[in-house]
Structure formats: C-alpha cells, structure tokens
Amino acid sequence: MNRTLFSGTAVLLLGLMAMHPVRAGAAAQDYELTLLNNDIRQGREAMVELRLTDRRSGAPVSDAIIFNTALDMAPDGMPDMGTAIEPVGSSEPGIYHFKADLSMSGGWRLRIGMMIQGEPEPVERDLILKVSP
C-alpha cells in the first residue's frame, strides 16, 4: 500500500515538473553594465553611454528594455538634487546612449533597471559618474 502511494506521488510530482520546467538561465549577476566614459562634461545635453555585456561570453547585449532610470548627486551628499535622463537610440550592439541635463559638476549616481529578453529577473545597477565643468 505504501509503495503504491509513493509511486503515485512520484508520478504526480514528475508530471508537475514536466509541465513547469525549471529554467537554468542566467542571473542578473551574469550581466555587466559599465559606463563608457565616467568623466562627462557638464552641459544641458550631456551624453551618458553604457555598455551591457554578458559576462559568461563577453558578448554585447542589445535590445534590453529600459524600465527605470534616475540620475542624482548622491555621491556628493545631495540625493535630492536630481535631473532628467532620456534614452537616445544607438546603432552599436550592446551600447545604450542617454541624454541628461548635467547642470552641476561633481559626482552623480545613475540608477538604471533593464530587462533582458528571455531573462526572468531585471539587471539593476547604480553607476557613479564624474561631471566636470
């Protein structure tokens, strides 16, 4: 009797696992997001450029969906001093361009969130850039 109950439970569990396979994909830590130039000139239309790569292969990652961006002066102790940042198109694989109004020189924090196609969790990073006059 116990053997039959165990076999039935095992078959049920195997059936459920087959219906909902566990994905052995990449994690958010498998992606690297870096600033191409962390010393940016102050200006109303300053360009911020990022590179997104897959750490496992070193390949550029294109077509990520940007769902969150924020730019503030938290590194200089002014987290309430923020500014708008706007994505701008790019023709290079894995390169993402943004236009920002960087009105003050100093340290700025870029908070960004991206979804990569086929991945269950977002890539979210805080990047520090320096703005010079």
C-alpha atoms as a PDB file:
ATOM      1  CA  MET A   1       0.000   0.000   0.000  1.00  0.00           C
ATOM      2  CA  ASN A   2       2.742   2.483   0.940  1.00  0.00           C
ATOM      3  CA  ARG A   3       4.686   1.557  -2.179  1.00  0.00           C
ATOM      4  CA  THR A   4       1.650   2.348  -4.383  1.00  0.00           C
ATOM      5  CA  LEU A   5       1.052   5.671  -2.635  1.00  0.00           C
ATOM      6  CA  PHE A   6       4.721   6.616  -3.031  1.00  0.00           C
ATOM      7  CA  SER A   7       4.725   5.659  -6.728  1.00  0.00           C
ATOM      8  CA  GLY A   8       1.571   7.678  -7.361  1.00  0.00           C
ATOM      9  CA  THR A   9       3.032  10.716  -5.606  1.00  0.00           C
ATOM     10  CA  ALA A  10       6.290  10.420  -7.543  1.00  0.00           C
ATOM     11  CA  VAL A  11       4.421  10.200 -10.863  1.00  0.00           C
ATOM     12  CA  LEU A  12       2.324  13.247  -9.921  1.00  0.00           C
ATOM     13  CA  LEU A  13       5.434  15.271  -8.987  1.00  0.00           C
ATOM     14  CA  LEU A  14       7.235  14.282 -12.196  1.00  0.00           C
ATOM     15  CA  GLY A  15       4.178  15.306 -14.194  1.00  0.00           C
ATOM     16  CA  LEU A  16       4.044  18.715 -12.487  1.00  0.00           C
ATOM     17  CA  MET A  17       7.748  19.258 -13.076  1.00  0.00           C
ATOM     18  CA  ALA A  18       7.343  18.436 -16.767  1.00  0.00           C
ATOM     19  CA  MET A  19       4.532  20.987 -17.044  1.00  0.00           C
ATOM     20  CA  HIS A  20       6.609  23.709 -15.323  1.00  0.00           C
ATOM     21  CA  PRO A  21      10.251  23.164 -16.232  1.00  0.00           C
ATOM     22  CA  VAL A  22      12.836  24.963 -14.140  1.00  0.00           C
ATOM     23  CA  ARG A  23      14.814  27.348 -16.305  1.00  0.00           C
ATOM     24  CA  ALA A  24      18.556  27.179 -15.874  1.00  0.00           C
ATOM     25  CA  GLY A  25      19.136  30.601 -17.402  1.00  0.00           C
ATOM     26  CA  ALA A  26      21.341  33.453 -16.460  1.00  0.00           C
ATOM     27  CA  ALA A  27      21.002  35.571 -13.368  1.00  0.00           C
ATOM     28  CA  ALA A  28      21.201  39.350 -13.203  1.00  0.00           C
ATOM     29  CA  GLN A  29      24.780  38.976 -11.910  1.00  0.00           C
ATOM     30  CA  ASP A  30      25.737  37.367 -15.248  1.00  0.00           C
ATOM     31  CA  TYR A  31      25.427  40.752 -16.951  1.00  0.00           C
ATOM     32  CA  GLU A  32      27.824  43.666 -16.675  1.00  0.00           C
ATOM     33  CA  LEU A  33      26.720  47.256 -17.155  1.00  0.00           C
ATOM     34  CA  THR A  34      29.566  49.754 -17.446  1.00  0.00           C
ATOM     35  CA  LEU A  35      29.973  53.424 -18.248  1.00  0.00           C
ATOM     36  CA  LEU A  36      31.961  54.020 -21.434  1.00  0.00           C
ATOM     37  CA  ASN A  37      33.154  57.336 -20.062  1.00  0.00           C
ATOM     38  CA  ASN A  38      32.754  58.077 -16.353  1.00  0.00           C
ATOM     39  CA  ASP A  39      34.171  61.622 -16.704  1.00  0.00           C
ATOM     40  CA  ILE A  40      31.488  63.586 -18.530  1.00  0.00           C
ATOM     41  CA  ARG A  41      31.407  67.268 -19.462  1.00  0.00           C
ATOM     42  CA  GLN A  42      28.811  69.417 -17.722  1.00  0.00           C
ATOM     43  CA  GLY A  43      26.005  70.589 -20.023  1.00  0.00           C
ATOM     44  CA  ARG A  44      22.319  70.683 -20.847  1.00  0.00           C
ATOM     45  CA  GLU A  45      22.608  67.793 -23.320  1.00  0.00           C
ATOM     46  CA  ALA A  46      25.428  65.749 -21.829  1.00  0.00           C
ATOM     47  CA  MET A  47      25.776  62.243 -23.255  1.00  0.00           C
ATOM     48  CA  VAL A  48      25.976  59.246 -20.947  1.00  0.00           C
ATOM     49  CA  GLU A  49      26.937  55.992 -22.668  1.00  0.00           C
ATOM     50  CA  LEU A  50      26.656  52.490 -21.224  1.00  0.00           C
ATOM     51  CA  ARG A  51      27.748  49.060 -22.395  1.00  0.00           C
ATOM     52  CA  LEU A  52      25.763  45.935 -21.475  1.00  0.00           C
ATOM     53  CA  THR A  53      27.600  42.626 -21.845  1.00  0.00           C
ATOM     54  CA  ASP A  54      27.049  39.009 -20.919  1.00  0.00           C
ATOM     55  CA  ARG A  55      29.872  38.142 -18.502  1.00  0.00           C
ATOM     56  CA  ARG A  56      29.764  34.456 -19.456  1.00  0.00           C
ATOM     57  CA  SER A  57      30.519  35.035 -23.143  1.00  0.00           C
ATOM     58  CA  GLY A  58      31.700  38.660 -23.277  1.00  0.00           C
ATOM     59  CA  ALA A  59      29.091  39.284 -25.975  1.00  0.00           C
ATOM     60  CA  PRO A  60      27.244  42.612 -26.175  1.00  0.00           C
ATOM     61  CA  VAL A  61      23.573  42.505 -25.168  1.00  0.00           C
ATOM     62  CA  SER A  62      21.251  44.512 -27.394  1.00  0.00           C
ATOM     63  CA  ASP A  63      17.540  45.269 -27.218  1.00  0.00           C
ATOM     64  CA  ALA A  64      17.282  45.399 -23.416  1.00  0.00           C
ATOM     65  CA  ILE A  65      14.154  47.149 -22.218  1.00  0.00           C
ATOM     66  CA  ILE A  66      14.972  50.121 -20.004  1.00  0.00           C
ATOM     67  CA  PHE A  67      12.300  50.393 -17.339  1.00  0.00           C
ATOM     68  CA  ASN A  68      13.868  52.632 -14.737  1.00  0.00           C
ATOM     69  CA  THR A  69      16.371  55.480 -14.788  1.00  0.00           C
ATOM     70  CA  ALA A  70      17.253  58.101 -12.201  1.00  0.00           C
ATOM     71  CA  LEU A  71      20.174  60.488 -12.008  1.00  0.00           C
ATOM     72  CA  ASP A  72      21.085  62.329  -8.802  1.00  0.00           C
ATOM     73  CA  MET A  73      24.024  63.778  -6.903  1.00  0.00           C
ATOM     74  CA  ALA A  74      24.004  61.272  -4.023  1.00  0.00           C
ATOM     75  CA  PRO A  75      27.813  60.734  -4.213  1.00  0.00           C
ATOM     76  CA  ASP A  76      28.263  64.407  -3.267  1.00  0.00           C
ATOM     77  CA  GLY A  77      25.725  64.187  -0.427  1.00  0.00           C
ATOM     78  CA  MET A  78      22.816  65.653  -2.418  1.00  0.00           C
ATOM     79  CA  PRO A  79      20.453  62.755  -3.227  1.00  0.00           C
ATOM     80  CA  ASP A  80      17.559  65.219  -3.699  1.00  0.00           C
ATOM     81  CA  MET A  81      19.470  67.011  -6.489  1.00  0.00           C
ATOM     82  CA  GLY A  82      18.219  65.005  -9.451  1.00  0.00           C
ATOM     83  CA  THR A  83      17.802  65.572 -13.142  1.00  0.00           C
ATOM     84  CA  ALA A  84      16.034  64.017 -16.090  1.00  0.00           C
ATOM     85  CA  ILE A  85      17.739  61.413 -18.248  1.00  0.00           C
ATOM     86  CA  GLU A  86      16.404  60.370 -21.644  1.00  0.00           C
ATOM     87  CA  PRO A  87      17.346  57.304 -23.721  1.00  0.00           C
ATOM     88  CA  VAL A  88      18.685  58.052 -27.194  1.00  0.00           C
ATOM     89  CA  GLY A  89      18.961  55.443 -29.949  1.00  0.00           C
ATOM     90  CA  SER A  90      22.163  53.558 -30.713  1.00  0.00           C
ATOM     91  CA  SER A  91      23.349  51.605 -33.721  1.00  0.00           C
ATOM     92  CA  GLU A  92      26.097  49.731 -31.859  1.00  0.00           C
ATOM     93  CA  PRO A  93      25.273  46.327 -30.311  1.00  0.00           C
ATOM     94  CA  GLY A  94      25.171  46.485 -26.516  1.00  0.00           C
ATOM     95  CA  ILE A  95      25.683  50.266 -26.346  1.00  0.00           C
ATOM     96  CA  TYR A  96      22.999  52.460 -24.786  1.00  0.00           C
ATOM     97  CA  HIS A  97      23.062  56.269 -25.099  1.00  0.00           C
ATOM     98  CA  PHE A  98      21.302  58.726 -22.792  1.00  0.00           C
ATOM     99  CA  LYS A  99      20.968  62.495 -22.838  1.00  0.00           C
ATOM    100  CA  ALA A 100      20.935  64.319 -19.491  1.00  0.00           C
ATOM    101  CA  ASP A 101      20.890  67.863 -18.167  1.00  0.00           C
ATOM    102  CA  LEU A 102      24.002  67.796 -16.001  1.00  0.00           C
ATOM    103  CA  SER A 103      23.909  71.346 -14.675  1.00  0.00           C
ATOM    104  CA  MET A 104      26.482  70.911 -11.894  1.00  0.00           C
ATOM    105  CA  SER A 105      29.927  69.411 -11.814  1.00  0.00           C
ATOM    106  CA  GLY A 106      30.619  66.722  -9.242  1.00  0.00           C
ATOM    107  CA  GLY A 107      29.666  63.140  -8.514  1.00  0.00           C
ATOM    108  CA  TRP A 108      26.412  61.782  -9.950  1.00  0.00           C
ATOM    109  CA  ARG A 109      24.688  58.433  -9.421  1.00  0.00           C
ATOM    110  CA  LEU A 110      22.873  56.776 -12.312  1.00  0.00           C
ATOM    111  CA  ARG A 111      20.312  54.213 -11.201  1.00  0.00           C
ATOM    112  CA  ILE A 112      19.163  52.009 -14.055  1.00  0.00           C
ATOM    113  CA  GLY A 113      16.998  48.955 -14.483  1.00  0.00           C
ATOM    114  CA  MET A 114      16.900  46.848 -17.638  1.00  0.00           C
ATOM    115  CA  MET A 115      15.022  43.722 -18.649  1.00  0.00           C
ATOM    116  CA  ILE A 116      16.860  41.377 -20.968  1.00  0.00           C
ATOM    117  CA  GLN A 117      14.764  39.311 -23.323  1.00  0.00           C
ATOM    118  CA  GLY A 118      14.377  35.767 -22.061  1.00  0.00           C
ATOM    119  CA  GLU A 119      15.628  36.503 -18.547  1.00  0.00           C
ATOM    120  CA  PRO A 120      13.311  36.301 -15.523  1.00  0.00           C
ATOM    121  CA  GLU A 121      14.936  38.982 -13.384  1.00  0.00           C
ATOM    122  CA  PRO A 122      15.997  42.543 -14.206  1.00  0.00           C
ATOM    123  CA  VAL A 123      19.526  43.900 -14.296  1.00  0.00           C
ATOM    124  CA  GLU A 124      19.589  46.821 -11.854  1.00  0.00           C
ATOM    125  CA  ARG A 125      22.691  48.832 -11.141  1.00  0.00           C
ATOM    126  CA  ASP A 126      23.916  52.057  -9.557  1.00  0.00           C
ATOM    127  CA  LEU A 127      26.757  53.592 -11.541  1.00  0.00           C
ATOM    128  CA  ILE A 128      28.833  56.558 -10.392  1.00  0.00           C
ATOM    129  CA  LEU A 129      29.961  59.153 -12.889  1.00  0.00           C
ATOM    130  CA  LYS A 130      32.009  62.307 -12.547  1.00  0.00           C
ATOM    131  CA  VAL A 131      30.860  65.507 -14.228  1.00  0.00           C
ATOM    132  CA  SER A 132      33.474  68.177 -14.956  1.00  0.00           C
ATOM    133  CA  PRO A 133      32.971  71.807 -15.944  1.00  0.00           C
END
